[in-house]
Structure formats: C-alpha cells, structure tokens
Amino acid sequence: VAANQWYEVNLAARTDNNFHVGLVFSLESADGRTVAARVTLPEIGGAWKPYTVALHADTAIDNARLVISPIEPGAIWIDEIALTPRAPQP
C-alpha cells in the first residue's frame, strides 16, 4: 500500500431476510497494528448487489492486508472481491 494513494474495493454481497449491517473496510499491516486506511460502508443487505468502497491510504505499508469486519454479528455472503489502486485523476 502506497501513502497518499486511493484504492477501490469492489465486491458483491447479500444477507438473509433483509438483515442489514454495516461493514468496516481497512488496509492494515500484517499484525494489525498499523492502519493505512479505514472506511465504513453503513449498510448492506438483502439480495445480491454490487458495492464499491474507496479507501485513501495515508501511510505506506509493505505486505498490507484488506480487512472486512461487520459492525454487528450476522450472516453475510461476500463474493468477487477486488482491491485495485485508483487511477490518478488529471
């Protein structure tokens, strides 16, 4: 993860029975002690839908990991996750 770089997370997600939950996305060091970027997607739920989340890294981290954490317990299905650097804007 490079400092001052924007990243996009694209994924598909669904929940059961119109259960809605927020998800926290973060780019972290392997040990979880350093967080380069964190953002909350306030609500996902219902049928399969695509989602895009933008993360801005304020710190460089070698061997970073993407961590996705629900705000509360519940069954969430996630598929087709992709993390890509955002192209620079002219």
PDB file of N, CA and C in Angstrom:
ATOM      1  N   VAL A   1       0.858  -1.173   0.000  1.00  0.00           N
ATOM      2  CA  VAL A   1       0.000   0.000   0.000  1.00  0.00           C
ATOM      3  C   VAL A   1       0.898   1.228   0.000  1.00  0.00           C
ATOM      4  N   ALA A   2       0.618   2.146  -0.901  1.00  0.00           N
ATOM      5  CA  ALA A   2       1.416   3.363  -1.018  1.00  0.00           C
ATOM      6  C   ALA A   2       0.727   4.517  -0.297  1.00  0.00           C
ATOM      7  N   ALA A   3       1.505   5.376   0.332  1.00  0.00           N
ATOM      8  CA  ALA A   3       0.955   6.549   1.014  1.00  0.00           C
ATOM      9  C   ALA A   3       0.345   7.501  -0.014  1.00  0.00           C
ATOM     10  N   ASN A   4      -0.727   8.162   0.372  1.00  0.00           N
ATOM     11  CA  ASN A   4      -1.443   9.129  -0.463  1.00  0.00           C
ATOM     12  C   ASN A   4      -2.024   8.525  -1.734  1.00  0.00           C
ATOM     13  N   GLN A   5      -2.293   7.237  -1.725  1.00  0.00           N
ATOM     14  CA  GLN A   5      -2.894   6.544  -2.875  1.00  0.00           C
ATOM     15  C   GLN A   5      -4.334   6.169  -2.537  1.00  0.00           C
ATOM     16  N   TRP A   6      -5.223   6.336  -3.503  1.00  0.00           N
ATOM     17  CA  TRP A   6      -6.604   5.877  -3.369  1.00  0.00           C
ATOM     18  C   TRP A   6      -6.712   4.449  -3.886  1.00  0.00           C
ATOM     19  N   TYR A   7      -7.495   3.636  -3.205  1.00  0.00           N
ATOM     20  CA  TYR A   7      -7.772   2.262  -3.603  1.00  0.00           C
ATOM     21  C   TYR A   7      -9.277   2.063  -3.654  1.00  0.00           C
ATOM     22  N   GLU A   8      -9.724   1.173  -4.533  1.00  0.00           N
ATOM     23  CA  GLU A   8     -11.143   0.829  -4.597  1.00  0.00           C
ATOM     24  C   GLU A   8     -11.315  -0.645  -4.298  1.00  0.00           C
ATOM     25  N   VAL A   9     -12.319  -0.938  -3.485  1.00  0.00           N
ATOM     26  CA  VAL A   9     -12.724  -2.306  -3.209  1.00  0.00           C
ATOM     27  C   VAL A   9     -14.061  -2.504  -3.916  1.00  0.00           C
ATOM     28  N   ASN A  10     -14.120  -3.496  -4.791  1.00  0.00           N
ATOM     29  CA  ASN A  10     -15.361  -3.865  -5.457  1.00  0.00           C
ATOM     30  C   ASN A  10     -15.727  -5.263  -4.996  1.00  0.00           C
ATOM     31  N   LEU A  11     -16.993  -5.446  -4.672  1.00  0.00           N
ATOM     32  CA  LEU A  11     -17.455  -6.746  -4.210  1.00  0.00           C
ATOM     33  C   LEU A  11     -18.949  -6.878  -4.441  1.00  0.00           C
ATOM     34  N   ALA A  12     -19.422  -8.094  -4.320  1.00  0.00           N
ATOM     35  CA  ALA A  12     -20.854  -8.373  -4.310  1.00  0.00           C
ATOM     36  C   ALA A  12     -21.174  -8.931  -2.937  1.00  0.00           C
ATOM     37  N   ALA A  13     -22.338  -8.563  -2.389  1.00  0.00           N
ATOM     38  CA  ALA A  13     -22.698  -9.039  -1.049  1.00  0.00           C
ATOM     39  C   ALA A  13     -24.202  -9.207  -0.930  1.00  0.00           C
ATOM     40  N   ARG A  14     -24.591 -10.057   0.004  1.00  0.00           N
ATOM     41  CA  ARG A  14     -26.010 -10.234   0.325  1.00  0.00           C
ATOM     42  C   ARG A  14     -26.148 -10.692   1.765  1.00  0.00           C
ATOM     43  N   THR A  15     -27.369 -10.569   2.287  1.00  0.00           N
ATOM     44  CA  THR A  15     -27.702 -11.062   3.629  1.00  0.00           C
ATOM     45  C   THR A  15     -29.039 -11.798   3.557  1.00  0.00           C
ATOM     46  N   ASP A  16     -29.393 -12.457   4.626  1.00  0.00           N
ATOM     47  CA  ASP A  16     -30.679 -13.160   4.716  1.00  0.00           C
ATOM     48  C   ASP A  16     -31.783 -12.243   5.220  1.00  0.00           C
ATOM     49  N   ASN A  17     -32.985 -12.488   4.771  1.00  0.00           N
ATOM     50  CA  ASN A  17     -34.197 -11.900   5.347  1.00  0.00           C
ATOM     51  C   ASN A  17     -34.134 -10.400   5.581  1.00  0.00           C
ATOM     52  N   ASN A  18     -33.603  -9.682   4.628  1.00  0.00           N
ATOM     53  CA  ASN A  18     -33.494  -8.231   4.734  1.00  0.00           C
ATOM     54  C   ASN A  18     -32.728  -7.754   5.965  1.00  0.00           C
ATOM     55  N   PHE A  19     -31.887  -8.615   6.517  1.00  0.00           N
ATOM     56  CA  PHE A  19     -30.967  -8.205   7.579  1.00  0.00           C
ATOM     57  C   PHE A  19     -30.003  -7.204   6.962  1.00  0.00           C
ATOM     58  N   HIS A  20     -29.802  -6.068   7.589  1.00  0.00           N
ATOM     59  CA  HIS A  20     -28.888  -5.043   7.103  1.00  0.00           C
ATOM     60  C   HIS A  20     -27.799  -4.805   8.141  1.00  0.00           C
ATOM     61  N   VAL A  21     -26.580  -4.613   7.653  1.00  0.00           N
ATOM     62  CA  VAL A  21     -25.438  -4.436   8.549  1.00  0.00           C
ATOM     63  C   VAL A  21     -24.398  -3.547   7.870  1.00  0.00           C
ATOM     64  N   GLY A  22     -23.645  -2.830   8.676  1.00  0.00           N
ATOM     65  CA  GLY A  22     -22.523  -2.053   8.158  1.00  0.00           C
ATOM     66  C   GLY A  22     -21.273  -2.896   8.139  1.00  0.00           C
ATOM     67  N   LEU A  23     -20.383  -2.573   7.210  1.00  0.00           N
ATOM     68  CA  LEU A  23     -19.096  -3.253   7.126  1.00  0.00           C
ATOM     69  C   LEU A  23     -17.983  -2.220   7.207  1.00  0.00           C
ATOM     70  N   VAL A  24     -16.931  -2.552   7.941  1.00  0.00           N
ATOM     71  CA  VAL A  24     -15.755  -1.697   8.050  1.00  0.00           C
ATOM     72  C   VAL A  24     -14.663  -2.316   7.179  1.00  0.00           C
ATOM     73  N   PHE A  25     -14.093  -1.508   6.290  1.00  0.00           N
ATOM     74  CA  PHE A  25     -13.013  -1.922   5.408  1.00  0.00           C
ATOM     75  C   PHE A  25     -11.742  -1.209   5.846  1.00  0.00           C
ATOM     76  N   SER A  26     -10.645  -1.936   5.987  1.00  0.00           N
ATOM     77  CA  SER A  26      -9.388  -1.288   6.348  1.00  0.00           C
ATOM     78  C   SER A  26      -8.219  -1.956   5.648  1.00  0.00           C
ATOM     79  N   LEU A  27      -7.210  -1.146   5.388  1.00  0.00           N
ATOM     80  CA  LEU A  27      -5.925  -1.624   4.880  1.00  0.00           C
ATOM     81  C   LEU A  27      -4.966  -1.556   6.049  1.00  0.00           C
ATOM     82  N   GLU A  28      -4.446  -2.717   6.457  1.00  0.00           N
ATOM     83  CA  GLU A  28      -3.665  -2.824   7.687  1.00  0.00           C
ATOM     84  C   GLU A  28      -2.361  -3.567   7.455  1.00  0.00           C
ATOM     85  N   SER A  29      -1.439  -3.376   8.391  1.00  0.00           N
ATOM     86  CA  SER A  29      -0.219  -4.183   8.399  1.00  0.00           C
ATOM     87  C   SER A  29      -0.595  -5.620   8.764  1.00  0.00           C
ATOM     88  N   ALA A  30       0.294  -6.541   8.483  1.00  0.00           N
ATOM     89  CA  ALA A  30       0.025  -7.958   8.741  1.00  0.00           C
ATOM     90  C   ALA A  30      -0.326  -8.229  10.198  1.00  0.00           C
ATOM     91  N   ASP A  31       0.264  -7.465  11.131  1.00  0.00           N
ATOM     92  CA  ASP A  31      -0.026  -7.681  12.551  1.00  0.00           C
ATOM     93  C   ASP A  31      -1.212  -6.849  13.040  1.00  0.00           C
ATOM     94  N   GLY A  32      -1.791  -6.020  12.179  1.00  0.00           N
ATOM     95  CA  GLY A  32      -2.952  -5.212  12.548  1.00  0.00           C
ATOM     96  C   GLY A  32      -2.643  -3.979  13.371  1.00  0.00           C
ATOM     97  N   ARG A  33      -1.381  -3.706  13.627  1.00  0.00           N
ATOM     98  CA  ARG A  33      -1.028  -2.561  14.481  1.00  0.00           C
ATOM     99  C   ARG A  33      -1.040  -1.223  13.742  1.00  0.00           C
ATOM    100  N   THR A  34      -0.819  -1.257  12.433  1.00  0.00           N
ATOM    101  CA  THR A  34      -0.807  -0.026  11.646  1.00  0.00           C
ATOM    102  C   THR A  34      -1.956  -0.069  10.656  1.00  0.00           C
ATOM    103  N   VAL A  35      -2.753   0.980  10.642  1.00  0.00           N
ATOM    104  CA  VAL A  35      -3.881   1.086   9.720  1.00  0.00           C
ATOM    105  C   VAL A  35      -3.604   2.238   8.768  1.00  0.00           C
ATOM    106  N   ALA A  36      -3.541   1.932   7.480  1.00  0.00           N
ATOM    107  CA  ALA A  36      -3.275   2.954   6.466  1.00  0.00           C
ATOM    108  C   ALA A  36      -4.560   3.647   6.030  1.00  0.00           C
ATOM    109  N   ALA A  37      -5.673   2.915   6.044  1.00  0.00           N
ATOM    110  CA  ALA A  37      -6.953   3.475   5.605  1.00  0.00           C
ATOM    111  C   ALA A  37      -8.082   2.687   6.245  1.00  0.00           C
ATOM    112  N   ARG A  38      -9.168   3.382   6.527  1.00  0.00           N
ATOM    113  CA  ARG A  38     -10.353   2.717   7.087  1.00  0.00           C
ATOM    114  C   ARG A  38     -11.586   3.506   6.664  1.00  0.00           C
ATOM    115  N   VAL A  39     -12.631   2.776   6.283  1.00  0.00           N
ATOM    116  CA  VAL A  39     -13.899   3.407   5.917  1.00  0.00           C
ATOM    117  C   VAL A  39     -15.023   2.432   6.248  1.00  0.00           C
ATOM    118  N   THR A  40     -16.201   2.986   6.557  1.00  0.00           N
ATOM    119  CA  THR A  40     -17.370   2.164   6.866  1.00  0.00           C
ATOM    120  C   THR A  40     -18.393   2.291   5.760  1.00  0.00           C
ATOM    121  N   LEU A  41     -18.838   1.160   5.263  1.00  0.00           N
ATOM    122  CA  LEU A  41     -19.989   1.109   4.371  1.00  0.00           C
ATOM    123  C   LEU A  41     -21.178   0.937   5.300  1.00  0.00           C
ATOM    124  N   PRO A  42     -22.023   1.967   5.450  1.00  0.00           N
ATOM    125  CA  PRO A  42     -23.007   1.961   6.536  1.00  0.00           C
ATOM    126  C   PRO A  42     -24.036   0.847   6.482  1.00  0.00           C
ATOM    127  N   GLU A  43     -24.378   0.377   5.289  1.00  0.00           N
ATOM    128  CA  GLU A  43     -25.431  -0.635   5.257  1.00  0.00           C
ATOM    129  C   GLU A  43     -25.385  -1.457   3.989  1.00  0.00           C
ATOM    130  N   ILE A  44     -25.313  -2.770   4.167  1.00  0.00           N
ATOM    131  CA  ILE A  44     -25.562  -3.693   3.067  1.00  0.00           C
ATOM    132  C   ILE A  44     -26.684  -4.605   3.518  1.00  0.00           C
ATOM    133  N   GLY A  45     -27.370  -5.215   2.579  1.00  0.00           N
ATOM    134  CA  GLY A  45     -28.406  -6.152   2.976  1.00  0.00           C
ATOM    135  C   GLY A  45     -29.332  -6.512   1.849  1.00  0.00           C
ATOM    136  N   GLY A  46     -30.046  -7.622   2.059  1.00  0.00           N
ATOM    137  CA  GLY A  46     -30.990  -8.093   1.057  1.00  0.00           C
ATOM    138  C   GLY A  46     -30.309  -8.939   0.011  1.00  0.00           C
ATOM    139  N   ALA A  47     -30.825  -8.850  -1.218  1.00  0.00           N
ATOM    140  CA  ALA A  47     -30.348  -9.663  -2.336  1.00  0.00           C
ATOM    141  C   ALA A  47     -28.935  -9.251  -2.751  1.00  0.00           C
ATOM    142  N   TRP A  48     -28.336 -10.100  -3.610  1.00  0.00           N
ATOM    143  CA  TRP A  48     -27.004  -9.806  -4.123  1.00  0.00           C
ATOM    144  C   TRP A  48     -26.980  -8.438  -4.791  1.00  0.00           C
ATOM    145  N   LYS A  49     -25.993  -7.616  -4.428  1.00  0.00           N
ATOM    146  CA  LYS A  49     -25.798  -6.299  -5.035  1.00  0.00           C
ATOM    147  C   LYS A  49     -24.306  -6.023  -5.120  1.00  0.00           C
ATOM    148  N   PRO A  50     -23.902  -5.248  -6.116  1.00  0.00           N
ATOM    149  CA  PRO A  50     -22.501  -4.823  -6.171  1.00  0.00           C
ATOM    150  C   PRO A  50     -22.279  -3.606  -5.282  1.00  0.00           C
ATOM    151  N   TYR A  51     -21.107  -3.527  -4.699  1.00  0.00           N
ATOM    152  CA  TYR A  51     -20.728  -2.391  -3.848  1.00  0.00           C
ATOM    153  C   TYR A  51     -19.314  -1.955  -4.225  1.00  0.00           C
ATOM    154  N   THR A  52     -19.054  -0.661  -4.107  1.00  0.00           N
ATOM    155  CA  THR A  52     -17.724  -0.107  -4.308  1.00  0.00           C
ATOM    156  C   THR A  52     -17.399   0.790  -3.126  1.00  0.00           C
ATOM    157  N   VAL A  53     -16.213   0.612  -2.587  1.00  0.00           N
ATOM    158  CA  VAL A  53     -15.755   1.395  -1.439  1.00  0.00           C
ATOM    159  C   VAL A  53     -14.410   2.003  -1.810  1.00  0.00           C
ATOM    160  N   ALA A  54     -14.231   3.288  -1.529  1.00  0.00           N
ATOM    161  CA  ALA A  54     -12.960   3.969  -1.786  1.00  0.00           C
ATOM    162  C   ALA A  54     -12.196   4.136  -0.479  1.00  0.00           C
ATOM    163  N   LEU A  55     -10.916   3.786  -0.504  1.00  0.00           N
ATOM    164  CA  LEU A  55     -10.032   3.911   0.656  1.00  0.00           C
ATOM    165  C   LEU A  55      -8.853   4.798   0.291  1.00  0.00           C
ATOM    166  N   HIS A  56      -8.525   5.757   1.136  1.00  0.00           N
ATOM    167  CA  HIS A  56      -7.355   6.608   0.915  1.00  0.00           C
ATOM    168  C   HIS A  56      -6.299   6.264   1.957  1.00  0.00           C
ATOM    169  N   ALA A  57      -5.173   5.740   1.482  1.00  0.00           N
ATOM    170  CA  ALA A  57      -4.091   5.343   2.382  1.00  0.00           C
ATOM    171  C   ALA A  57      -3.263   6.568   2.758  1.00  0.00           C
ATOM    172  N   ASP A  58      -3.133   6.812   4.046  1.00  0.00           N
ATOM    173  CA  ASP A  58      -2.313   7.939   4.497  1.00  0.00           C
ATOM    174  C   ASP A  58      -0.927   7.499   4.938  1.00  0.00           C
ATOM    175  N   THR A  59      -0.693   6.185   4.938  1.00  0.00           N
ATOM    176  CA  THR A  59       0.582   5.611   5.360  1.00  0.00           C
ATOM    177  C   THR A  59       0.954   4.478   4.405  1.00  0.00           C
ATOM    178  N   ALA A  60       2.223   4.344   4.100  1.00  0.00           N
ATOM    179  CA  ALA A  60       2.685   3.215   3.287  1.00  0.00           C
ATOM    180  C   ALA A  60       2.858   1.986   4.175  1.00  0.00           C
ATOM    181  N   ILE A  61       2.438   0.836   3.679  1.00  0.00           N
ATOM    182  CA  ILE A  61       2.594  -0.429   4.411  1.00  0.00           C
ATOM    183  C   ILE A  61       3.014  -1.512   3.426  1.00  0.00           C
ATOM    184  N   ASP A  62       4.149  -2.157   3.701  1.00  0.00           N
ATOM    185  CA  ASP A  62       4.551  -3.330   2.924  1.00  0.00           C
ATOM    186  C   ASP A  62       3.718  -4.520   3.397  1.00  0.00           C
ATOM    187  N   ASN A  63       3.347  -5.375   2.499  1.00  0.00           N
ATOM    188  CA  ASN A  63       2.587  -6.591   2.831  1.00  0.00           C
ATOM    189  C   ASN A  63       1.291  -6.283   3.570  1.00  0.00           C
ATOM    190  N   ALA A  64       0.576  -5.263   3.117  1.00  0.00           N
ATOM    191  CA  ALA A  64      -0.693  -4.898   3.750  1.00  0.00           C
ATOM    192  C   ALA A  64      -1.760  -5.948   3.460  1.00  0.00           C
ATOM    193  N   ARG A  65      -2.783  -5.938   4.284  1.00  0.00           N
ATOM    194  CA  ARG A  65      -3.921  -6.837   4.096  1.00  0.00           C
ATOM    195  C   ARG A  65      -5.201  -6.014   4.108  1.00  0.00           C
ATOM    196  N   LEU A  66      -6.192  -6.493   3.383  1.00  0.00           N
ATOM    197  CA  LEU A  66      -7.526  -5.904   3.400  1.00  0.00           C
ATOM    198  C   LEU A  66      -8.332  -6.643   4.455  1.00  0.00           C
ATOM    199  N   VAL A  67      -8.899  -5.897   5.401  1.00  0.00           N
ATOM    200  CA  VAL A  67      -9.706  -6.488   6.457  1.00  0.00           C
ATOM    201  C   VAL A  67     -11.134  -5.972   6.306  1.00  0.00           C
ATOM    202  N   ILE A  68     -12.105  -6.893   6.294  1.00  0.00           N
ATOM    203  CA  ILE A  68     -13.523  -6.535   6.211  1.00  0.00           C
ATOM    204  C   ILE A  68     -14.184  -7.068   7.472  1.00  0.00           C
ATOM    205  N   SER A  69     -14.758  -6.155   8.274  1.00  0.00           N
ATOM    206  CA  SER A  69     -15.348  -6.537   9.561  1.00  0.00           C
ATOM    207  C   SER A  69     -16.782  -6.038   9.647  1.00  0.00           C
ATOM    208  N   PRO A  70     -17.722  -6.911  10.022  1.00  0.00           N
ATOM    209  CA  PRO A  70     -19.093  -6.444  10.227  1.00  0.00           C
ATOM    210  C   PRO A  70     -19.199  -5.644  11.520  1.00  0.00           C
ATOM    211  N   ILE A  71     -20.113  -4.692  11.540  1.00  0.00           N
ATOM    212  CA  ILE A  71     -20.335  -3.886  12.738  1.00  0.00           C
ATOM    213  C   ILE A  71     -21.059  -4.688  13.810  1.00  0.00           C
ATOM    214  N   GLU A  72     -21.905  -5.627  13.391  1.00  0.00           N
ATOM    215  CA  GLU A  72     -22.615  -6.483  14.338  1.00  0.00           C
ATOM    216  C   GLU A  72     -22.680  -7.895  13.782  1.00  0.00           C
ATOM    217  N   PRO A  73     -22.942  -8.896  14.625  1.00  0.00           N
ATOM    218  CA  PRO A  73     -22.975 -10.279  14.149  1.00  0.00           C
ATOM    219  C   PRO A  73     -24.143 -10.522  13.197  1.00  0.00           C
ATOM    220  N   GLY A  74     -23.943 -11.460  12.292  1.00  0.00           N
ATOM    221  CA  GLY A  74     -24.987 -11.863  11.359  1.00  0.00           C
ATOM    222  C   GLY A  74     -24.357 -12.565  10.168  1.00  0.00           C
ATOM    223  N   ALA A  75     -25.185 -13.249   9.389  1.00  0.00           N
ATOM    224  CA  ALA A  75     -24.706 -13.966   8.211  1.00  0.00           C
ATOM    225  C   ALA A  75     -24.631 -13.009   7.026  1.00  0.00           C
ATOM    226  N   ILE A  76     -23.441 -12.903   6.443  1.00  0.00           N
ATOM    227  CA  ILE A  76     -23.198 -12.049   5.292  1.00  0.00           C
ATOM    228  C   ILE A  76     -22.436 -12.875   4.269  1.00  0.00           C
ATOM    229  N   TRP A  77     -22.886 -12.855   3.035  1.00  0.00           N
ATOM    230  CA  TRP A  77     -22.185 -13.528   1.956  1.00  0.00           C
ATOM    231  C   TRP A  77     -21.485 -12.471   1.120  1.00  0.00           C
ATOM    232  N   ILE A  78     -20.187 -12.686   0.868  1.00  0.00           N
ATOM    233  CA  ILE A  78     -19.391 -11.757   0.078  1.00  0.00           C
ATOM    234  C   ILE A  78     -18.708 -12.553  -1.024  1.00  0.00           C
ATOM    235  N   ASP A  79     -18.713 -12.001  -2.229  1.00  0.00           N
ATOM    236  CA  ASP A  79     -18.117 -12.677  -3.375  1.00  0.00           C
ATOM    237  C   ASP A  79     -17.454 -11.648  -4.283  1.00  0.00           C
ATOM    238  N   GLU A  80     -16.575 -12.116  -5.137  1.00  0.00           N
ATOM    239  CA  GLU A  80     -15.954 -11.306  -6.176  1.00  0.00           C
ATOM    240  C   GLU A  80     -15.261 -10.055  -5.633  1.00  0.00           C
ATOM    241  N   ILE A  81     -14.443 -10.217  -4.615  1.00  0.00           N
ATOM    242  CA  ILE A  81     -13.738  -9.090  -4.007  1.00  0.00           C
ATOM    243  C   ILE A  81     -12.511  -8.740  -4.854  1.00  0.00           C
ATOM    244  N   ALA A  82     -12.368  -7.448  -5.141  1.00  0.00           N
ATOM    245  CA  ALA A  82     -11.192  -6.972  -5.859  1.00  0.00           C
ATOM    246  C   ALA A  82     -10.734  -5.660  -5.212  1.00  0.00           C
ATOM    247  N   LEU A  83      -9.445  -5.564  -4.949  1.00  0.00           N
ATOM    248  CA  LEU A  83      -8.833  -4.328  -4.431  1.00  0.00           C
ATOM    249  C   LEU A  83      -7.882  -3.826  -5.503  1.00  0.00           C
ATOM    250  N   THR A  84      -8.107  -2.623  -5.988  1.00  0.00           N
ATOM    251  CA  THR A  84      -7.271  -2.056  -7.042  1.00  0.00           C
ATOM    252  C   THR A  84      -6.916  -0.616  -6.728  1.00  0.00           C
ATOM    253  N   PRO A  85      -5.714  -0.183  -7.134  1.00  0.00           N
ATOM    254  CA  PRO A  85      -5.381   1.226  -6.985  1.00  0.00           C
ATOM    255  C   PRO A  85      -6.251   2.045  -7.942  1.00  0.00           C
ATOM    256  N   ARG A  86      -6.693   3.189  -7.501  1.00  0.00           N
ATOM    257  CA  ARG A  86      -7.489   4.075  -8.346  1.00  0.00           C
ATOM    258  C   ARG A  86      -6.537   4.830  -9.268  1.00  0.00           C
ATOM    259  N   ALA A  87      -6.922   4.944 -10.524  1.00  0.00           N
ATOM    260  CA  ALA A  87      -6.106   5.683 -11.493  1.00  0.00           C
ATOM    261  C   ALA A  87      -6.014   7.141 -11.087  1.00  0.00           C
ATOM    262  N   PRO A  88      -4.853   7.768 -11.238  1.00  0.00           N
ATOM    263  CA  PRO A  88      -4.724   9.182 -10.889  1.00  0.00           C
ATOM    264  C   PRO A  88      -5.668  10.031 -11.722  1.00  0.00           C
ATOM    265  N   GLN A  89      -6.219  11.057 -11.095  1.00  0.00           N
ATOM    266  CA  GLN A  89      -7.113  11.988 -11.781  1.00  0.00           C
ATOM    267  C   GLN A  89      -6.284  13.092 -12.423  1.00  0.00           C
ATOM    268  N   PRO A  90      -6.633  13.472 -13.662  1.00  0.00           N
ATOM    269  CA  PRO A  90      -5.854  14.537 -14.325  1.00  0.00           C
ATOM    270  C   PRO A  90      -6.058  15.893 -13.674  1.00  0.00           C
TER     271      PRO A  90
END
